[in-house]
């Protein structure tokens, strides 16, 4: 039996900004929600110019987007929630899954998973006063999957709009195998709407997962979408990725970044793009290495011309760890 679930594009810090989202939406279909990379309120309670531009309704017009907030302070979250709600957002995502050391050292992101009682107090304050629906993106623990039962008991106390679970611990980062058994066990332990995130890199893998996990409301794709931007489109029954469609997307994104940012920022973003889309080509190590070392626009362009001109697209283009 074929099961088609909604697809969410995960927030990928430093990549899926407003420029990327607009260009992706113009080239490929299949995304039900784009999640905006997190804003992190500070004591001053102001958005940076970059944060404000990224969540601006004007730059996201025509897209269904969900802003994400990263903080351990309930008053900071509520300030951001009110600001975003006033902009027209009816859903806000809380990030308690980011594994970055600089984030967790401050007790934010996955750092909040270390103290379930503090997390409970935080959520109690948030849900008592929030003006919007709150979804949560989480991991299953900091050190061990055994931590998740206590965390899920906390989540179950609140009307979480959607619980997005990446079934790795913080200590795993993105290594090893996701604990899908922990995710599957949620079927008997919660009535919250569940979204799955983690290591779904092909349309067939998405379909198989959807059939095997009927508790799932939607799938959130991250690295798989960065490597193959047509992944959601293919899963939805649309056209698969071709070298021509990938090059058109890359070239339009490159042009849009050059219009929006200075050269060093353009190269930084495009190196990350190149690293991911190179997964879709057979034996493309040389042009990938050149693109990732490029210190000028001309050198980057030459490397990518070689990638698209001289290398064949894989039969099953998808993310791989070799990137």
Protein backbone atom coordinates (compact mmCIF):
# COMPACT_ATOMS: atom_id res chain seq x y z
CA UNK A 1 0.00 0.00 0.00
CA UNK A 2 1.32 3.44 -0.92
CA UNK A 3 1.14 6.08 1.81
CA UNK A 4 1.91 9.70 1.00
CA UNK A 5 2.68 11.96 3.93
CA UNK A 6 3.27 15.72 4.02
CA UNK A 7 6.92 16.71 3.72
CA UNK A 8 8.57 19.40 5.85
CA UNK A 9 11.91 20.95 4.88
CA UNK A 10 14.10 21.03 7.99
CA UNK A 11 15.73 24.29 9.05
CA UNK A 12 19.39 24.05 8.06
CA UNK A 13 21.40 26.84 9.64
CA UNK A 14 23.55 28.75 7.17
CA UNK A 15 21.87 27.22 4.12
CA UNK A 16 18.07 27.34 3.95
CA UNK A 17 17.64 31.07 4.33
CA UNK A 18 14.94 33.12 2.60
CA UNK A 19 16.90 33.21 -0.66
CA UNK A 20 17.30 29.43 -0.73
CA UNK A 21 13.64 28.82 0.15
CA UNK A 22 12.35 31.08 -2.63
CA UNK A 23 14.60 29.56 -5.28
CA UNK A 24 13.83 26.02 -4.17
CA UNK A 25 10.08 26.68 -4.25
CA UNK A 26 10.39 28.12 -7.76
CA UNK A 27 12.07 24.96 -9.07
CA UNK A 28 10.60 22.05 -7.13
CA UNK A 29 7.27 21.04 -5.62
CA UNK A 30 6.35 18.74 -2.75
CA UNK A 31 7.17 20.80 0.35
CA UNK A 32 4.24 21.35 2.71
CA UNK A 33 6.17 23.47 5.23
CA UNK A 34 9.54 25.18 5.15
CA UNK A 35 10.98 25.63 8.65
CA UNK A 36 13.00 28.82 9.06
CA UNK A 37 16.41 28.38 10.76
CA UNK A 38 16.22 29.47 14.37
CA UNK A 39 16.24 32.92 15.83
CA UNK A 40 17.83 33.14 19.27
CA UNK A 41 16.52 36.03 21.41
CA UNK A 42 19.01 37.82 23.65
CA UNK A 43 18.56 39.95 26.74
CA UNK A 44 18.04 42.99 24.51
CA UNK A 45 14.91 41.41 22.96
CA UNK A 46 15.58 42.60 19.43
CA UNK A 47 15.98 40.66 16.22
CA UNK A 48 19.21 41.05 14.31
CA UNK A 49 18.80 42.43 10.78
CA UNK A 50 19.52 38.94 9.40
CA UNK A 51 16.91 37.33 11.65
CA UNK A 52 14.30 39.96 10.82
CA UNK A 53 14.88 39.56 7.10
CA UNK A 54 14.66 35.77 7.34
CA UNK A 55 11.26 35.81 9.08
CA UNK A 56 9.83 38.78 7.20
CA UNK A 57 6.44 37.87 5.70
CA UNK A 58 7.40 39.76 2.54
CA UNK A 59 10.40 37.55 1.72
CA UNK A 60 8.37 34.42 2.48
CA UNK A 61 5.31 35.37 0.45
CA UNK A 62 3.78 32.38 -1.32
CA UNK A 63 5.49 29.85 0.95
CA UNK A 64 4.11 28.03 3.97
CA UNK A 65 6.82 28.70 6.53
CA UNK A 66 7.26 28.07 10.24
CA UNK A 67 9.77 30.16 12.24
CA UNK A 68 11.90 28.40 14.82
CA UNK A 69 13.07 29.81 18.16
CA UNK A 70 16.09 28.66 20.18
CA UNK A 71 16.19 29.74 23.83
CA UNK A 72 16.09 28.32 27.35
CA UNK A 73 14.24 31.30 28.83
CA UNK A 74 10.45 31.26 28.73
CA UNK A 75 10.15 35.05 28.72
CA UNK A 76 12.47 35.26 25.73
CA UNK A 77 10.46 32.64 23.89
CA UNK A 78 7.19 34.41 24.66
CA UNK A 79 8.59 37.72 23.44
CA UNK A 80 9.61 36.08 20.13
CA UNK A 81 6.29 34.23 19.89
CA UNK A 82 4.31 37.43 20.28
CA UNK A 83 6.48 39.24 17.73
CA UNK A 84 6.13 36.42 15.21
CA UNK A 85 2.41 36.06 15.86
CA UNK A 86 2.00 39.78 15.18
CA UNK A 87 3.74 39.19 11.84
CA UNK A 88 1.05 36.66 10.97
CA UNK A 89 2.60 33.34 12.03
CA UNK A 90 0.15 30.94 13.70
CA UNK A 91 2.76 28.24 14.42
CA UNK A 92 6.16 28.60 16.08
CA UNK A 93 8.68 25.81 16.49
CA UNK A 94 10.77 25.36 19.63
CA UNK A 95 14.25 23.96 19.00
CA UNK A 96 15.38 21.62 21.77
CA UNK A 97 17.31 19.35 19.44
CA UNK A 98 20.30 21.36 18.19
CA UNK A 99 23.43 19.36 19.14
CA UNK A 100 25.98 22.15 18.57
CA UNK A 101 28.50 22.40 21.41
CA UNK A 102 28.27 26.19 21.51
CA UNK A 103 24.49 25.90 21.89
CA UNK A 104 24.31 23.06 24.41
CA UNK A 105 27.05 24.60 26.57
CA UNK A 106 24.59 27.44 27.25
CA UNK A 107 21.85 25.00 28.17
CA UNK A 108 19.91 25.64 24.97
CA UNK A 109 18.89 23.31 22.15
CA UNK A 110 19.57 19.71 23.12
CA UNK A 111 21.11 21.06 26.32
CA UNK A 112 17.56 21.43 27.64
CA UNK A 113 17.13 17.65 27.51
CA UNK A 114 19.53 17.23 30.44
CA UNK A 115 17.02 18.66 32.92
CA UNK A 116 13.45 17.42 32.35
CA UNK A 117 12.15 19.31 35.41
CA UNK A 118 13.49 22.61 34.09
CA UNK A 119 12.08 21.79 30.66
CA UNK A 120 8.70 21.11 32.26
CA UNK A 121 8.75 24.48 34.01
CA UNK A 122 9.75 26.20 30.76
CA UNK A 123 6.93 24.57 28.80
CA UNK A 124 4.44 25.30 31.56
CA UNK A 125 5.18 29.01 31.31
CA UNK A 126 5.21 28.98 27.51
CA UNK A 127 1.94 27.13 27.03
CA UNK A 128 0.20 29.22 29.68
CA UNK A 129 0.88 32.43 27.77
CA UNK A 130 1.70 31.68 24.14
CA UNK A 131 -0.35 33.46 21.46
CA UNK A 132 0.39 30.78 18.83
CA UNK A 133 0.47 27.02 18.32
CA UNK A 134 3.78 25.54 19.44
CA UNK A 135 5.50 22.61 17.77
CA UNK A 136 8.66 21.10 19.23
CA UNK A 137 11.73 19.66 17.49
CA UNK A 138 13.60 17.33 19.81
CA UNK A 139 16.13 14.55 20.10
CA UNK A 140 15.52 11.50 22.27
CA UNK A 141 18.05 12.34 24.95
CA UNK A 142 21.40 13.90 25.64
CA UNK A 143 23.48 10.81 26.48
CA UNK A 144 21.13 7.85 26.07
CA UNK A 145 17.87 6.87 24.36
CA UNK A 146 16.73 5.66 27.79
CA UNK A 147 16.15 9.33 28.67
CA UNK A 148 13.26 9.69 26.25
CA UNK A 149 10.47 8.18 28.35
CA UNK A 150 10.91 10.92 30.95
CA UNK A 151 11.07 13.58 28.25
CA UNK A 152 7.98 12.25 26.49
CA UNK A 153 6.11 12.31 29.81
CA UNK A 154 6.89 16.04 29.97
CA UNK A 155 5.71 16.67 26.40
CA UNK A 156 2.50 14.75 27.08
CA UNK A 157 1.46 17.36 29.67
CA UNK A 158 1.07 20.05 27.03
CA UNK A 159 -0.98 20.65 23.86
CA UNK A 160 2.04 20.39 21.55
CA UNK A 161 0.87 21.11 18.01
CA UNK A 162 3.38 18.66 16.50
CA UNK A 163 6.26 16.75 18.08
CA UNK A 164 9.13 16.44 15.61
CA UNK A 165 11.45 13.65 16.73
CA UNK A 166 14.98 13.10 15.50
CA UNK A 167 15.70 9.75 17.17
CA UNK A 168 19.35 10.31 17.94
CA UNK A 169 20.89 11.57 21.17
CA UNK A 170 22.84 14.78 21.33
CA UNK A 171 26.03 12.75 21.78
CA UNK A 172 25.43 11.02 18.45
CA UNK A 173 25.22 14.30 16.55
CA UNK A 174 24.40 12.93 13.07
CA UNK A 175 26.47 9.76 13.35
CA UNK A 176 25.36 6.20 13.81
CA UNK A 177 21.90 4.82 13.22
CA UNK A 178 18.74 6.62 14.35
CA UNK A 179 16.89 4.77 17.11
CA UNK A 180 13.73 4.13 15.14
CA UNK A 181 12.59 1.63 17.74
CA UNK A 182 12.36 4.48 20.25
CA UNK A 183 10.32 6.48 17.77
CA UNK A 184 8.02 3.54 17.00
CA UNK A 185 7.40 2.96 20.70
CA UNK A 186 5.83 6.43 20.90
CA UNK A 187 2.74 4.98 19.23
CA UNK A 188 1.71 3.46 22.56
CA UNK A 189 2.99 6.29 24.78
CA UNK A 190 1.55 9.51 23.39
CA UNK A 191 -1.40 10.99 21.55
CA UNK A 192 0.64 13.94 20.31
CA UNK A 193 0.93 14.31 16.52
CA UNK A 194 4.29 12.82 15.57
CA UNK A 195 6.67 13.98 12.84
CA UNK A 196 9.71 11.88 11.96
CA UNK A 197 13.11 13.37 11.11
CA UNK A 198 16.30 11.46 10.41
CA UNK A 199 18.16 9.68 7.59
CA UNK A 200 15.45 9.49 4.94
CA UNK A 201 17.47 10.12 1.79
CA UNK A 202 15.40 8.59 -1.04
CA UNK A 203 11.77 8.62 -2.10
CA UNK A 204 11.59 4.85 -1.64
CA UNK A 205 12.94 5.16 1.90
CA UNK A 206 10.26 7.75 2.66
CA UNK A 207 7.53 5.50 1.27
CA UNK A 208 8.74 2.47 3.21
CA UNK A 209 8.95 4.44 6.43
CA UNK A 210 5.44 5.84 5.97
CA UNK A 211 4.01 2.34 5.53
CA UNK A 212 5.90 0.92 8.50
CA UNK A 213 5.10 3.80 10.86
CA UNK A 214 1.39 4.62 10.64
CA UNK A 215 1.72 6.80 13.76
CA UNK A 216 3.52 9.40 11.63
CA UNK A 217 1.72 12.56 10.52
CA UNK A 218 4.51 13.97 8.34
CA UNK A 219 8.19 13.55 7.45
CA UNK A 220 10.83 16.22 7.97
CA UNK A 221 13.74 16.00 5.52
CA UNK A 222 17.03 17.86 5.90
CA UNK A 223 20.28 16.53 4.49
CA UNK A 224 18.36 14.46 1.96
CA UNK A 225 16.77 17.62 0.56
CA UNK A 226 20.05 19.51 0.41
CA UNK A 227 21.64 16.74 -1.65
CA UNK A 228 18.61 16.08 -3.87
CA UNK A 229 16.35 19.16 -3.93
CA UNK A 230 13.77 17.17 -5.94
CA UNK A 231 13.41 14.51 -3.21
CA UNK A 232 10.04 15.72 -1.91
CA UNK A 233 8.81 16.23 -5.48
CA UNK A 234 9.75 12.66 -6.43
CA UNK A 235 8.16 11.27 -3.27
CA UNK A 236 4.93 13.11 -4.15
CA UNK A 237 4.88 11.46 -7.58
CA UNK A 238 6.51 14.26 -9.53
CA UNK A 239 9.54 14.28 -11.80
CA UNK A 240 12.79 12.87 -10.43
CA UNK A 241 15.98 14.91 -10.34
CA UNK A 242 17.88 15.36 -13.60
CA UNK A 243 21.24 16.93 -14.27
CA UNK A 244 19.42 19.72 -16.14
CA UNK A 245 16.98 20.47 -13.32
CA UNK A 246 19.75 20.41 -10.73
CA UNK A 247 21.95 22.74 -12.79
CA UNK A 248 19.06 25.18 -13.34
CA UNK A 249 18.39 25.23 -9.59
CA UNK A 250 22.08 25.66 -8.75
CA UNK A 251 22.57 28.46 -11.27
CA UNK A 252 19.49 30.39 -10.13
CA UNK A 253 20.48 29.98 -6.48
CA UNK A 254 24.03 31.14 -7.25
CA UNK A 255 22.69 34.21 -9.05
CA UNK A 256 20.25 34.99 -6.24
CA UNK A 257 22.97 34.72 -3.60
CA UNK A 258 25.26 37.00 -5.64
CA UNK A 259 22.51 39.58 -5.73
CA UNK A 260 21.78 39.30 -2.00
CA UNK A 261 25.23 38.89 -0.38
CA UNK A 262 28.84 39.96 -0.64
CA UNK A 263 31.34 37.59 -2.25
CA UNK A 264 32.63 35.86 0.88
CA UNK A 265 29.08 35.05 2.05
CA UNK A 266 28.14 33.81 -1.41
CA UNK A 267 31.12 31.46 -1.52
CA UNK A 268 30.43 30.22 2.01
CA UNK A 269 26.85 29.31 1.16
CA UNK A 270 27.65 27.83 -2.25
CA UNK A 271 30.46 25.67 -0.86
CA UNK A 272 27.85 24.04 1.40
CA UNK A 273 25.45 23.67 -1.53
CA UNK A 274 28.20 22.11 -3.68
CA UNK A 275 29.18 19.70 -0.89
CA UNK A 276 25.65 18.35 -0.77
CA UNK A 277 24.68 18.22 -4.44
CA UNK A 278 27.98 16.54 -5.33
CA UNK A 279 26.52 13.46 -3.60
CA UNK A 280 24.27 13.10 -6.64
CA UNK A 281 27.17 12.58 -9.06
CA UNK A 282 29.39 9.59 -9.68
CA UNK A 283 33.03 10.05 -8.58
CA UNK A 284 32.88 13.84 -8.39
CA UNK A 285 35.64 14.24 -5.78
CA UNK A 286 37.90 16.50 -7.88
CA UNK A 287 35.40 19.25 -8.79
CA UNK A 288 33.93 19.06 -5.28
CA UNK A 289 37.36 19.61 -3.75
CA UNK A 290 37.97 22.53 -6.09
CA UNK A 291 34.58 24.09 -5.30
CA UNK A 292 35.08 23.77 -1.56
CA UNK A 293 38.53 25.40 -1.77
CA UNK A 294 37.40 28.16 -4.14
CA UNK A 295 38.51 31.60 -2.98
CA UNK A 296 36.93 33.46 -5.88
CA UNK A 297 33.72 33.38 -7.87
CA UNK A 298 35.60 32.45 -11.05
CA UNK A 299 37.28 29.40 -9.47
CA UNK A 300 33.96 28.23 -8.01
CA UNK A 301 32.20 28.64 -11.37
CA UNK A 302 34.92 26.64 -13.14
CA UNK A 303 34.65 23.79 -10.64
CA UNK A 304 30.88 23.57 -10.97
CA UNK A 305 31.00 23.76 -14.77
CA UNK A 306 33.24 20.70 -14.64
CA UNK A 307 30.89 18.95 -12.23
CA UNK A 308 27.81 19.49 -14.39
CA UNK A 309 29.62 19.03 -17.69
CA UNK A 310 31.85 16.02 -17.10
CA UNK A 311 30.14 13.84 -14.49
CA UNK A 312 27.06 11.65 -14.71
CA UNK A 313 24.18 11.94 -12.31
CA UNK A 314 23.85 8.85 -10.11
CA UNK A 315 21.06 6.42 -10.89
CA UNK A 316 19.69 7.10 -7.40
CA UNK A 317 20.89 10.58 -6.48
CA UNK A 318 20.87 11.03 -2.71
CA UNK A 319 22.82 12.20 0.30
CA UNK A 320 25.80 10.11 1.34
CA UNK A 321 28.30 10.48 4.16
CA UNK A 322 31.17 10.76 1.69
CA UNK A 323 30.24 14.45 1.36
